[in-house]
């Protein structure tokens, strides 16, 4: 197991999550009110914010998904990649998040009766509905990263999970998968990159307005709290963007450190008088 690295202090407190930076793609959050801006109290700069409603805003959903994948990668750096990865599906095109949650609770209890150290982190993804047998309907599936189950028990894990999951979620046993997280094929870094790219595609994201949590994890999956990991993930993502923009790692670190102390406040504005603004604010 890799030695855990100490966490840097959470940068900038709450102001970090509203600090203005250019998004990688897209027009930004379309739900942010035109009459509201975020004011940098030091520079006087006005920027747009974002709503953070991941089930209502495609842009905010993509930002949150990339951040979540970074959290999983940081955790893998601390304690190693999880040994196994589950893919759970359902034949139903429409379902509610509460039903999914209850089914996973039954799965967790069943698996822990066999492997008491079982912990998981899961991400929701949807099919595109473009397949020849889909009927144009989008169906959800769950990517589940597993800790506490030996990799040699993968077949037994599949049996235990399918016996509980399939009757509750109208699923076929042969459509549920258990994979090894292969380090020689990129390990957790490869998986998180794959999921990050998929989550940035609107065709793979949950439909707008869908009710449910896109990311869940049991309490013991991470070594540290998710709040700490998210804070570190936001800084890591922003630092990498600054390095790309500035072309100098030392200068990027100085810029990121300076930004951590900046204070931001909401201001009402007349949209016709504020002029050209940077297109969005991200919390990474």
Protein backbone atom coordinates (compact mmCIF):
# COMPACT_ATOMS: atom_id res chain seq x y z
CA UNK A 1 0.00 0.00 0.00
CA UNK A 2 1.31 3.40 -0.94
CA UNK A 3 2.13 5.78 1.88
CA UNK A 4 -0.56 8.41 2.37
CA UNK A 5 0.55 11.90 1.44
CA UNK A 6 -0.29 14.82 3.78
CA UNK A 7 -3.11 17.05 2.61
CA UNK A 8 -2.40 20.69 1.99
CA UNK A 9 -4.71 23.15 3.69
CA UNK A 10 -7.96 23.66 1.85
CA UNK A 11 -7.17 26.54 -0.49
CA UNK A 12 -9.16 29.70 -0.11
CA UNK A 13 -12.03 28.14 1.83
CA UNK A 14 -15.33 28.66 0.08
CA UNK A 15 -13.93 31.30 -2.26
CA UNK A 16 -11.94 28.65 -4.11
CA UNK A 17 -15.12 27.07 -5.43
CA UNK A 18 -16.25 30.32 -7.07
CA UNK A 19 -12.93 31.58 -8.35
CA UNK A 20 -13.17 32.56 -12.01
CA UNK A 21 -11.29 30.46 -14.56
CA UNK A 22 -11.82 29.71 -18.23
CA UNK A 23 -13.63 26.41 -18.84
CA UNK A 24 -12.06 23.81 -21.13
CA UNK A 25 -15.02 23.68 -23.50
CA UNK A 26 -18.59 24.82 -23.93
CA UNK A 27 -20.33 28.12 -23.18
CA UNK A 28 -20.37 27.68 -19.41
CA UNK A 29 -23.32 27.41 -17.06
CA UNK A 30 -26.50 28.44 -18.85
CA UNK A 31 -28.51 28.59 -15.60
CA UNK A 32 -26.42 31.27 -13.88
CA UNK A 33 -28.59 34.43 -13.55
CA UNK A 34 -27.62 37.23 -15.95
CA UNK A 35 -28.05 39.84 -13.23
CA UNK A 36 -25.57 38.19 -10.84
CA UNK A 37 -21.79 38.30 -10.97
CA UNK A 38 -18.95 37.26 -8.69
CA UNK A 39 -16.71 40.14 -7.65
CA UNK A 40 -13.03 39.66 -6.89
CA UNK A 41 -12.62 41.97 -3.89
CA UNK A 42 -8.92 42.44 -4.56
CA UNK A 43 -8.89 43.13 -8.32
CA UNK A 44 -12.46 44.33 -8.88
CA UNK A 45 -12.93 41.70 -11.61
CA UNK A 46 -16.47 40.51 -12.32
CA UNK A 47 -17.06 36.97 -13.57
CA UNK A 48 -19.99 34.64 -14.08
CA UNK A 49 -20.60 31.77 -11.68
CA UNK A 50 -22.21 28.38 -12.08
CA UNK A 51 -25.31 26.82 -10.57
CA UNK A 52 -23.79 23.46 -9.52
CA UNK A 53 -27.10 21.71 -10.20
CA UNK A 54 -25.56 18.62 -11.78
CA UNK A 55 -28.93 17.07 -12.65
CA UNK A 56 -30.15 20.22 -14.39
CA UNK A 57 -27.06 21.70 -16.03
CA UNK A 58 -24.92 19.76 -18.48
CA UNK A 59 -21.91 22.03 -18.02
CA UNK A 60 -21.92 21.77 -14.22
CA UNK A 61 -22.39 18.02 -14.47
CA UNK A 62 -19.26 17.70 -16.63
CA UNK A 63 -17.21 19.83 -14.25
CA UNK A 64 -18.34 17.77 -11.25
CA UNK A 65 -17.66 14.49 -13.07
CA UNK A 66 -14.07 15.46 -13.90
CA UNK A 67 -13.54 16.51 -10.29
CA UNK A 68 -14.94 13.19 -9.03
CA UNK A 69 -12.61 11.24 -11.29
CA UNK A 70 -9.69 13.26 -9.94
CA UNK A 71 -10.80 12.38 -6.39
CA UNK A 72 -10.73 8.67 -7.29
CA UNK A 73 -7.28 9.06 -8.81
CA UNK A 74 -5.88 10.90 -5.78
CA UNK A 75 -7.24 8.15 -3.56
CA UNK A 76 -5.62 5.51 -5.76
CA UNK A 77 -2.30 7.33 -5.40
CA UNK A 78 -2.63 7.13 -1.61
CA UNK A 79 -3.71 3.53 -1.09
CA UNK A 80 -3.29 1.86 -4.46
CA UNK A 81 -5.87 1.02 -7.10
CA UNK A 82 -8.89 -1.06 -6.09
CA UNK A 83 -8.49 -4.65 -7.20
CA UNK A 84 -11.86 -5.14 -8.87
CA UNK A 85 -14.37 -3.15 -10.89
CA UNK A 86 -18.07 -4.02 -11.22
CA UNK A 87 -20.35 -3.05 -14.08
CA UNK A 88 -24.00 -3.31 -13.04
CA UNK A 89 -26.79 -2.85 -15.57
CA UNK A 90 -30.56 -2.91 -15.83
CA UNK A 91 -32.99 -3.59 -18.67
CA UNK A 92 -35.27 -0.75 -17.56
CA UNK A 93 -34.90 2.57 -19.41
CA UNK A 94 -36.41 4.61 -16.56
CA UNK A 95 -35.72 4.20 -12.86
CA UNK A 96 -35.50 6.29 -9.73
CA UNK A 97 -32.39 6.96 -7.69
CA UNK A 98 -33.96 5.73 -4.47
CA UNK A 99 -34.57 2.29 -5.94
CA UNK A 100 -30.95 2.14 -7.07
CA UNK A 101 -29.79 3.15 -3.60
CA UNK A 102 -31.89 0.45 -1.89
CA UNK A 103 -30.63 -2.22 -4.29
CA UNK A 104 -27.00 -1.27 -3.59
CA UNK A 105 -27.69 -1.44 0.14
CA UNK A 106 -28.89 -5.03 -0.29
CA UNK A 107 -25.82 -5.83 -2.41
CA UNK A 108 -23.51 -4.32 0.22
CA UNK A 109 -25.04 -6.39 3.03
CA UNK A 110 -24.83 -9.58 0.98
CA UNK A 111 -21.21 -9.02 -0.03
CA UNK A 112 -20.14 -8.09 3.49
CA UNK A 113 -21.54 -11.34 4.81
CA UNK A 114 -18.88 -13.02 2.67
CA UNK A 115 -16.12 -10.34 2.72
CA UNK A 116 -16.43 -8.15 5.80
CA UNK A 117 -13.98 -5.55 4.47
CA UNK A 118 -16.00 -4.75 1.33
CA UNK A 119 -16.10 -1.05 0.42
CA UNK A 120 -17.11 0.57 -2.84
CA UNK A 121 -17.29 3.83 -4.80
CA UNK A 122 -19.78 4.03 -7.68
CA UNK A 123 -20.47 6.27 -10.66
CA UNK A 124 -23.69 6.36 -12.68
CA UNK A 125 -23.57 6.41 -16.46
CA UNK A 126 -26.25 6.06 -19.16
CA UNK A 127 -26.25 4.34 -22.53
CA UNK A 128 -26.71 6.60 -25.54
CA UNK A 129 -29.92 5.02 -26.82
CA UNK A 130 -28.38 4.82 -30.29
CA UNK A 131 -27.89 1.03 -30.33
CA UNK A 132 -29.87 -1.06 -32.83
CA UNK A 133 -31.73 -2.88 -30.03
CA UNK A 134 -32.17 0.06 -27.68
CA UNK A 135 -35.43 1.30 -29.15
CA UNK A 136 -34.07 4.81 -28.71
CA UNK A 137 -34.26 4.40 -24.93
CA UNK A 138 -31.42 5.24 -22.57
CA UNK A 139 -30.60 2.79 -19.80
CA UNK A 140 -28.43 3.40 -16.72
CA UNK A 141 -25.48 1.36 -15.59
CA UNK A 142 -23.22 1.61 -12.58
CA UNK A 143 -19.41 1.56 -12.46
CA UNK A 144 -18.44 0.22 -9.04
CA UNK A 145 -14.85 0.23 -7.76
CA UNK A 146 -14.36 -2.51 -5.15
CA UNK A 147 -12.00 -2.73 -2.19
CA UNK A 148 -11.77 -5.52 0.37
CA UNK A 149 -12.45 -8.44 -1.99
CA UNK A 150 -9.45 -10.50 -3.22
CA UNK A 151 -9.06 -10.42 -6.99
CA UNK A 152 -9.03 -14.21 -7.11
CA UNK A 153 -12.60 -14.18 -5.76
CA UNK A 154 -13.94 -12.27 -8.77
CA UNK A 155 -16.19 -15.13 -9.96
CA UNK A 156 -17.67 -15.62 -6.51
CA UNK A 157 -18.25 -11.88 -6.18
CA UNK A 158 -20.16 -11.92 -9.47
CA UNK A 159 -22.39 -14.71 -8.17
CA UNK A 160 -23.15 -12.97 -4.88
CA UNK A 161 -23.86 -9.60 -6.52
CA UNK A 162 -25.99 -10.99 -9.37
CA UNK A 163 -28.17 -13.03 -6.98
CA UNK A 164 -29.12 -9.84 -5.13
CA UNK A 165 -29.00 -7.21 -7.86
CA UNK A 166 -30.74 -8.87 -10.78
CA UNK A 167 -34.20 -9.58 -9.26
CA UNK A 168 -34.38 -6.07 -7.85
CA UNK A 169 -33.29 -4.18 -10.96
CA UNK A 170 -34.77 -6.29 -13.78
CA UNK A 171 -31.30 -7.34 -14.89
CA UNK A 172 -29.79 -10.46 -16.47
CA UNK A 173 -26.97 -12.18 -14.60
CA UNK A 174 -24.84 -12.56 -17.72
CA UNK A 175 -24.99 -8.79 -18.32
CA UNK A 176 -23.31 -8.00 -15.00
CA UNK A 177 -19.53 -7.89 -15.16
CA UNK A 178 -16.61 -8.15 -12.75
CA UNK A 179 -13.24 -6.94 -14.09
CA UNK A 180 -9.77 -6.81 -12.62
CA UNK A 181 -8.21 -3.36 -12.45
CA UNK A 182 -5.12 -4.18 -14.49
CA UNK A 183 -2.12 -2.02 -13.64
CA UNK A 184 -0.40 -2.98 -16.89
CA UNK A 185 -3.31 -1.39 -18.77
CA UNK A 186 -3.22 1.91 -16.95
CA UNK A 187 -4.76 0.83 -13.65
CA UNK A 188 -6.96 3.33 -11.90
CA UNK A 189 -5.48 6.21 -13.90
CA UNK A 190 -6.65 4.59 -17.11
CA UNK A 191 -10.09 3.93 -15.69
CA UNK A 192 -10.58 7.42 -14.32
CA UNK A 193 -9.44 8.92 -17.61
CA UNK A 194 -11.91 6.70 -19.47
CA UNK A 195 -14.75 7.64 -17.14
CA UNK A 196 -13.85 11.32 -17.20
CA UNK A 197 -13.97 11.38 -21.00
CA UNK A 198 -17.27 9.50 -21.01
CA UNK A 199 -18.83 11.78 -18.39
CA UNK A 200 -17.99 14.82 -20.51
CA UNK A 201 -20.17 13.42 -23.31
CA UNK A 202 -23.76 14.54 -23.05
CA UNK A 203 -24.82 11.27 -24.70
CA UNK A 204 -23.41 9.31 -21.72
CA UNK A 205 -24.61 11.59 -18.92
CA UNK A 206 -27.91 11.08 -17.08
CA UNK A 207 -30.82 12.88 -18.76
CA UNK A 208 -31.34 16.45 -17.62
CA UNK A 209 -33.74 16.48 -14.69
CA UNK A 210 -32.98 12.89 -13.67
CA UNK A 211 -33.24 12.51 -9.90
CA UNK A 212 -30.50 10.63 -8.13
CA UNK A 213 -26.89 10.82 -6.97
CA UNK A 214 -24.27 10.31 -9.63
CA UNK A 215 -21.53 9.38 -7.19
CA UNK A 216 -21.74 7.26 -4.05
CA UNK A 217 -19.15 5.71 -1.78
CA UNK A 218 -19.23 3.72 1.43
CA UNK A 219 -17.71 5.35 4.45
CA UNK A 220 -14.58 3.20 4.50
CA UNK A 221 -13.64 3.41 0.81
CA UNK A 222 -11.42 6.50 1.18
CA UNK A 223 -8.61 7.03 3.66
CA UNK A 224 -9.65 10.67 4.08
CA UNK A 225 -12.95 12.51 3.94
CA UNK A 226 -14.39 13.24 0.51
CA UNK A 227 -14.45 16.95 1.40
CA UNK A 228 -10.66 16.93 1.84
CA UNK A 229 -10.11 14.96 -1.35
CA UNK A 230 -12.40 17.24 -3.37
CA UNK A 231 -10.55 20.27 -2.10
CA UNK A 232 -7.24 18.77 -3.18
CA UNK A 233 -8.71 17.66 -6.52
CA UNK A 234 -9.89 21.18 -7.32
CA UNK A 235 -6.45 22.58 -6.68
CA UNK A 236 -4.73 19.86 -8.71
CA UNK A 237 -7.05 20.41 -11.69
CA UNK A 238 -6.64 24.17 -11.61
CA UNK A 239 -2.87 23.91 -11.26
CA UNK A 240 -2.67 21.67 -14.33
CA UNK A 241 -4.73 24.16 -16.34
CA UNK A 242 -2.47 27.01 -15.24
CA UNK A 243 0.59 25.03 -16.28
CA UNK A 244 -0.92 24.53 -19.73
CA UNK A 245 -1.84 28.21 -19.99
CA UNK A 246 1.44 29.66 -18.66
CA UNK A 247 3.88 26.99 -19.79
CA UNK A 248 5.81 27.22 -16.52
CA UNK A 249 5.13 24.98 -13.51
CA UNK A 250 6.76 27.32 -10.97
CA UNK A 251 4.83 30.34 -12.22
CA UNK A 252 1.61 28.31 -12.20
CA UNK A 253 2.21 27.32 -8.59
CA UNK A 254 2.77 30.96 -7.62
CA UNK A 255 -0.40 32.00 -9.43
CA UNK A 256 -2.44 29.24 -7.76
CA UNK A 257 -1.09 30.09 -4.32
CA UNK A 258 -1.89 33.77 -4.80
CA UNK A 259 -5.42 32.93 -5.88
CA UNK A 260 -6.01 30.93 -2.70
CA UNK A 261 -6.11 34.08 -0.63
CA UNK A 262 -8.53 35.96 -2.88
CA UNK A 263 -11.97 36.83 -1.54
CA UNK A 264 -15.11 36.82 -3.69
CA UNK A 265 -18.61 38.24 -3.19
CA UNK A 266 -21.92 38.18 -5.08
CA UNK A 267 -23.01 41.41 -6.76
CA UNK A 268 -26.18 42.43 -8.59
CA UNK A 269 -25.42 44.04 -11.94
CA UNK A 270 -27.14 45.45 -14.99
CA UNK A 271 -26.19 42.87 -17.70
CA UNK A 272 -26.15 45.54 -20.39
CA UNK A 273 -23.45 47.56 -18.64
CA UNK A 274 -20.94 44.97 -17.40
CA UNK A 275 -19.25 44.45 -20.78
CA UNK A 276 -17.37 41.36 -21.89
CA UNK A 277 -16.81 38.81 -19.14
CA UNK A 278 -15.02 35.57 -18.91
CA UNK A 279 -17.59 32.94 -19.85
CA UNK A 280 -17.86 30.85 -16.69
CA UNK A 281 -16.64 29.99 -13.25
CA UNK A 282 -15.66 26.47 -12.29
CA UNK A 283 -15.04 25.05 -8.87
CA UNK A 284 -11.89 23.16 -9.77
